[in-house]
Amino acid sequence: MALMITDECINCDVCEPECPNLAISLGVEFYEIDPERCTECVGHFDEPQCVQVCPVSCIPVNPQRVEDKESLWAKYRRLQAATAASSSAG
């Protein structure tokens, strides 16, 4: 499951630096989560860090991106492999 940020976001800037997958960025009106990069912190932490720090609780599971733990682990491994490849290419 990828997470999403709702329009209740107050742009407080606390979630973006907490994301280990660099999935959070400032959108047109409020922060957004890239579902292709969001693993709900699987592989990094036991709980999604953005959810933990959000002062207005505006980061639910995206109902259009339901994924099981296995899928999240696969996405984590893919992201790690891509990061390693880009690091060695540079």
Protein backbone atom coordinates (compact mmCIF):
# COMPACT_ATOMS: atom_id res chain seq x y z
CA MET A 1 0.00 0.00 0.00
CA ALA A 2 1.31 3.36 -0.85
CA LEU A 3 0.38 6.24 1.35
CA MET A 4 -1.10 9.52 0.20
CA ILE A 5 -1.30 13.04 1.59
CA THR A 6 -4.75 14.57 1.70
CA ASP A 7 -5.72 18.19 1.14
CA GLU A 8 -5.74 18.61 4.93
CA CYS A 9 -1.94 19.00 4.66
CA ILE A 10 -0.72 22.25 6.21
CA ASN A 11 2.68 22.18 4.42
CA CYS A 12 4.55 22.05 7.71
CA ASP A 13 7.58 20.44 5.99
CA VAL A 14 8.13 17.70 8.60
CA CYS A 15 7.28 14.65 6.46
CA GLU A 16 9.57 15.18 3.47
CA PRO A 17 12.93 14.77 5.27
CA GLU A 18 11.65 11.71 7.13
CA CYS A 19 11.03 9.64 3.98
CA PRO A 20 13.90 7.18 3.42
CA ASN A 21 12.74 6.53 -0.17
CA LEU A 22 12.55 10.20 -1.23
CA ALA A 23 8.89 9.62 -2.13
CA ILE A 24 7.58 12.89 -0.68
CA SER A 25 7.83 16.20 -2.50
CA LEU A 26 6.07 19.54 -2.49
CA GLY A 27 3.25 19.54 -5.02
CA VAL A 28 1.27 22.45 -6.45
CA GLU A 29 -0.80 22.99 -3.30
CA PHE A 30 0.55 20.58 -0.69
CA TYR A 31 2.99 17.72 -0.26
CA GLU A 32 2.53 14.60 -2.37
CA ILE A 33 3.73 11.01 -2.15
CA ASP A 34 5.03 9.20 -5.24
CA PRO A 35 3.34 5.79 -5.02
CA GLU A 36 6.11 4.23 -7.10
CA ARG A 37 8.62 5.10 -4.35
CA CYS A 38 6.47 4.67 -1.22
CA THR A 39 7.07 1.40 0.65
CA GLU A 40 5.42 2.61 3.87
CA CYS A 41 9.00 2.50 5.19
CA VAL A 42 9.19 -1.30 4.74
CA GLY A 43 12.88 -2.14 4.71
CA HIS A 44 13.76 0.91 6.78
CA PHE A 45 11.41 1.21 9.77
CA ASP A 46 8.57 -0.69 11.44
CA GLU A 47 6.13 2.20 10.92
CA PRO A 48 5.78 4.86 8.21
CA GLN A 49 7.84 7.78 9.45
CA CYS A 50 5.76 10.44 7.70
CA VAL A 51 2.64 9.23 9.52
CA GLN A 52 4.52 9.32 12.83
CA VAL A 53 5.55 12.98 12.46
CA CYS A 54 2.45 14.43 10.76
CA PRO A 55 0.79 16.89 13.17
CA VAL A 56 -2.59 16.84 11.38
CA SER A 57 -2.91 13.12 10.57
CA CYS A 58 -3.41 13.67 6.85
CA ILE A 59 -1.46 10.64 5.55
CA PRO A 60 -3.74 7.62 5.06
CA VAL A 61 -3.29 4.55 2.89
CA ASN A 62 -4.05 5.33 -0.74
CA PRO A 63 -7.11 3.18 -1.54
CA GLN A 64 -6.10 3.11 -5.21
CA ARG A 65 -2.66 1.67 -4.41
CA VAL A 66 -3.31 -1.31 -2.15
CA GLU A 67 -0.19 -3.47 -1.87
CA ASP A 68 0.68 -6.36 0.43
CA LYS A 69 3.90 -6.63 2.45
CA GLU A 70 5.48 -8.81 -0.22
CA SER A 71 4.89 -6.14 -2.86
CA LEU A 72 6.28 -3.46 -0.58
CA TRP A 73 9.42 -5.56 0.03
CA ALA A 74 9.80 -6.07 -3.73
CA LYS A 75 9.50 -2.32 -4.29
CA TYR A 76 12.07 -1.69 -1.53
CA ARG A 77 14.53 -4.11 -3.16
CA ARG A 78 13.96 -2.51 -6.58
CA LEU A 79 14.60 0.98 -5.18
CA GLN A 80 17.74 -0.19 -3.37
CA ALA A 81 19.07 -1.84 -6.53
CA ALA A 82 18.40 1.32 -8.55
CA THR A 83 20.17 3.44 -5.94
CA ALA A 84 23.17 1.10 -5.91
CA ALA A 85 23.34 1.09 -9.73
CA SER A 86 23.24 4.88 -9.94
CA SER A 87 25.88 5.18 -7.22
CA SER A 88 28.27 2.83 -9.01
CA ALA A 89 27.64 4.48 -12.38
CA GLY A 90 28.60 7.90 -11.04
